[in-house]
Each structure stands twice: as C-alpha cells, then as structure tokens.
Amino acid sequence: MSELTPAEHELAELLVASLNLDGVTASQIQPEAPLFGGELGLDSIDALEIALAVSKRYGFQLRSDNDDNKRIFGSLRALSAHIEQNRTT
C-alpha cells in the first residue's frame, strides 16, 4: 500500500468532495489504482466532474481532445503529476 503525497492527498480530497463518493475517504484512494473501471466505479460523467473541479481549483483545463487523457486519468498519481506540471494556482 503506497502512501499519498501531500499533492495526491489534496487531489483525493477534491475527488471525494466533488464526486460525492459516499463511504470513501481520501486516504482510501490508492495512488496507483485505476480511477476508472476500478474500485471507485467512476465513469465518463465523473471524468467531466473531475475536469471541472481541477479547472476551478488549479486554474487550467483538462481537455477532452487530449490524446494523453487515458494516461492522465489512469490513476490518482498520474492525474496529480499532470496537475503539478500544469497548475497555475
């Protein structure tokens, strides 16, 4: 079980709050586990919600036409790394 970095924990808290993940805490989200098709049960609507929350919190947009979206949204760790590279706030 890998520990969350502070940035990953902040993002996990954002996901739990913005997606209303009942019964899930930020610390329960494994950093390398798949965000979609895994235990969280996230779907394409959730991806839109995540993109909106990231835009509001971190000041940049996750674009639906980005060829790297499968990698970016692959896990909490991958999404967090992408945010850290692109955030403006």
C-alpha atoms as a PDB file:
ATOM      1  CA  MET A   1       0.000   0.000   0.000  1.00  0.00           C
ATOM      2  CA  SER A   2       1.660   3.182  -1.212  1.00  0.00           C
ATOM      3  CA  GLU A   3       1.323   6.406   0.756  1.00  0.00           C
ATOM      4  CA  LEU A   4      -0.178   9.527  -0.762  1.00  0.00           C
ATOM      5  CA  THR A   5       1.998  12.580  -1.259  1.00  0.00           C
ATOM      6  CA  PRO A   6       0.527  15.848   0.055  1.00  0.00           C
ATOM      7  CA  ALA A   7      -0.474  16.836  -3.508  1.00  0.00           C
ATOM      8  CA  GLU A   8      -2.111  13.441  -4.085  1.00  0.00           C
ATOM      9  CA  HIS A   9      -3.978  13.669  -0.790  1.00  0.00           C
ATOM     10  CA  GLU A  10      -5.263  17.147  -1.687  1.00  0.00           C
ATOM     11  CA  LEU A  11      -6.447  15.829  -5.060  1.00  0.00           C
ATOM     12  CA  ALA A  12      -8.038  12.766  -3.448  1.00  0.00           C
ATOM     13  CA  GLU A  13      -9.968  15.054  -1.096  1.00  0.00           C
ATOM     14  CA  LEU A  14     -11.114  17.092  -4.096  1.00  0.00           C
ATOM     15  CA  LEU A  15     -12.300  13.920  -5.862  1.00  0.00           C
ATOM     16  CA  VAL A  16     -14.191  12.658  -2.818  1.00  0.00           C
ATOM     17  CA  ALA A  17     -15.905  16.030  -2.339  1.00  0.00           C
ATOM     18  CA  SER A  18     -16.679  16.845  -5.974  1.00  0.00           C
ATOM     19  CA  LEU A  19     -17.883  13.336  -6.868  1.00  0.00           C
ATOM     20  CA  ASN A  20     -19.788  12.769  -3.610  1.00  0.00           C
ATOM     21  CA  LEU A  21     -18.059   9.427  -3.083  1.00  0.00           C
ATOM     22  CA  ASP A  22     -20.132   8.013  -0.248  1.00  0.00           C
ATOM     23  CA  GLY A  23     -18.205   5.864   2.186  1.00  0.00           C
ATOM     24  CA  VAL A  24     -14.833   6.725   0.631  1.00  0.00           C
ATOM     25  CA  THR A  25     -12.166   8.849   2.302  1.00  0.00           C
ATOM     26  CA  ALA A  26      -9.222  10.473   0.571  1.00  0.00           C
ATOM     27  CA  SER A  27      -6.779   8.164   2.345  1.00  0.00           C
ATOM     28  CA  GLN A  28      -8.584   5.093   0.969  1.00  0.00           C
ATOM     29  CA  ILE A  29      -7.829   6.017  -2.657  1.00  0.00           C
ATOM     30  CA  GLN A  30      -4.736   4.125  -3.729  1.00  0.00           C
ATOM     31  CA  PRO A  31      -2.362   6.337  -5.747  1.00  0.00           C
ATOM     32  CA  GLU A  32      -1.611   3.709  -8.423  1.00  0.00           C
ATOM     33  CA  ALA A  33      -5.091   2.145  -8.652  1.00  0.00           C
ATOM     34  CA  PRO A  34      -7.115   2.849 -11.799  1.00  0.00           C
ATOM     35  CA  LEU A  35      -9.540   5.742 -11.381  1.00  0.00           C
ATOM     36  CA  PHE A  36     -11.904   4.280 -13.982  1.00  0.00           C
ATOM     37  CA  GLY A  37     -13.008   0.673 -14.121  1.00  0.00           C
ATOM     38  CA  GLY A  38     -11.621   0.022 -10.653  1.00  0.00           C
ATOM     39  CA  GLU A  39     -12.944   0.042  -7.115  1.00  0.00           C
ATOM     40  CA  LEU A  40     -14.178   3.641  -7.301  1.00  0.00           C
ATOM     41  CA  GLY A  41     -16.573   2.827 -10.139  1.00  0.00           C
ATOM     42  CA  LEU A  42     -16.014   6.139 -11.919  1.00  0.00           C
ATOM     43  CA  ASP A  43     -17.474   6.747 -15.378  1.00  0.00           C
ATOM     44  CA  SER A  44     -17.319   9.351 -18.164  1.00  0.00           C
ATOM     45  CA  ILE A  45     -19.650  11.739 -16.310  1.00  0.00           C
ATOM     46  CA  ASP A  46     -17.263  11.588 -13.362  1.00  0.00           C
ATOM     47  CA  ALA A  47     -14.409  12.499 -15.719  1.00  0.00           C
ATOM     48  CA  LEU A  48     -16.282  15.680 -16.638  1.00  0.00           C
ATOM     49  CA  GLU A  49     -16.828  16.467 -12.960  1.00  0.00           C
ATOM     50  CA  ILE A  50     -13.130  15.893 -12.249  1.00  0.00           C
ATOM     51  CA  ALA A  51     -12.140  18.177 -15.132  1.00  0.00           C
ATOM     52  CA  LEU A  52     -14.431  20.926 -13.820  1.00  0.00           C
ATOM     53  CA  ALA A  53     -13.139  20.593 -10.246  1.00  0.00           C
ATOM     54  CA  VAL A  54      -9.498  20.622 -11.439  1.00  0.00           C
ATOM     55  CA  SER A  55     -10.168  23.710 -13.548  1.00  0.00           C
ATOM     56  CA  LYS A  56     -11.671  25.571 -10.592  1.00  0.00           C
ATOM     57  CA  ARG A  57      -9.029  24.504  -8.075  1.00  0.00           C
ATOM     58  CA  TYR A  58      -5.838  24.520 -10.138  1.00  0.00           C
ATOM     59  CA  GLY A  59      -6.518  27.112 -12.843  1.00  0.00           C
ATOM     60  CA  PHE A  60      -6.119  25.077 -16.027  1.00  0.00           C
ATOM     61  CA  GLN A  61      -8.388  22.936 -18.164  1.00  0.00           C
ATOM     62  CA  LEU A  62      -8.229  19.228 -18.830  1.00  0.00           C
ATOM     63  CA  ARG A  63      -9.287  18.995 -22.454  1.00  0.00           C
ATOM     64  CA  SER A  64     -11.431  16.146 -23.770  1.00  0.00           C
ATOM     65  CA  ASP A  65      -9.481  16.098 -27.051  1.00  0.00           C
ATOM     66  CA  ASN A  66      -6.099  15.477 -25.368  1.00  0.00           C
ATOM     67  CA  ASP A  67      -4.569  12.277 -26.753  1.00  0.00           C
ATOM     68  CA  ASP A  68      -2.934  11.630 -23.365  1.00  0.00           C
ATOM     69  CA  ASN A  69      -6.184  11.529 -21.362  1.00  0.00           C
ATOM     70  CA  LYS A  70      -6.032   7.769 -20.880  1.00  0.00           C
ATOM     71  CA  ARG A  71      -2.615   8.171 -19.236  1.00  0.00           C
ATOM     72  CA  ILE A  72      -3.540  11.394 -17.367  1.00  0.00           C
ATOM     73  CA  PHE A  73      -6.700   9.870 -15.867  1.00  0.00           C
ATOM     74  CA  GLY A  74      -5.062   6.461 -15.366  1.00  0.00           C
ATOM     75  CA  SER A  75      -4.579   6.839 -11.621  1.00  0.00           C
ATOM     76  CA  LEU A  76      -4.606   9.394  -8.841  1.00  0.00           C
ATOM     77  CA  ARG A  77      -0.802   9.564  -9.054  1.00  0.00           C
ATOM     78  CA  ALA A  78      -0.827  10.214 -12.830  1.00  0.00           C
ATOM     79  CA  LEU A  79      -3.518  12.888 -12.541  1.00  0.00           C
ATOM     80  CA  SER A  80      -1.715  14.540  -9.646  1.00  0.00           C
ATOM     81  CA  ALA A  81       1.575  14.619 -11.584  1.00  0.00           C
ATOM     82  CA  HIS A  82      -0.173  16.179 -14.589  1.00  0.00           C
ATOM     83  CA  ILE A  83      -1.766  18.814 -12.346  1.00  0.00           C
ATOM     84  CA  GLU A  84       1.553  19.654 -10.697  1.00  0.00           C
ATOM     85  CA  GLN A  85       3.130  20.194 -14.135  1.00  0.00           C
ATOM     86  CA  ASN A  86       0.312  22.410 -15.426  1.00  0.00           C
ATOM     87  CA  ARG A  87      -1.292  24.204 -12.480  1.00  0.00           C
ATOM     88  CA  THR A  88      -1.410  27.977 -12.424  1.00  0.00           C
ATOM     89  CA  THR A  89      -2.767  28.418  -8.887  1.00  0.00           C
END
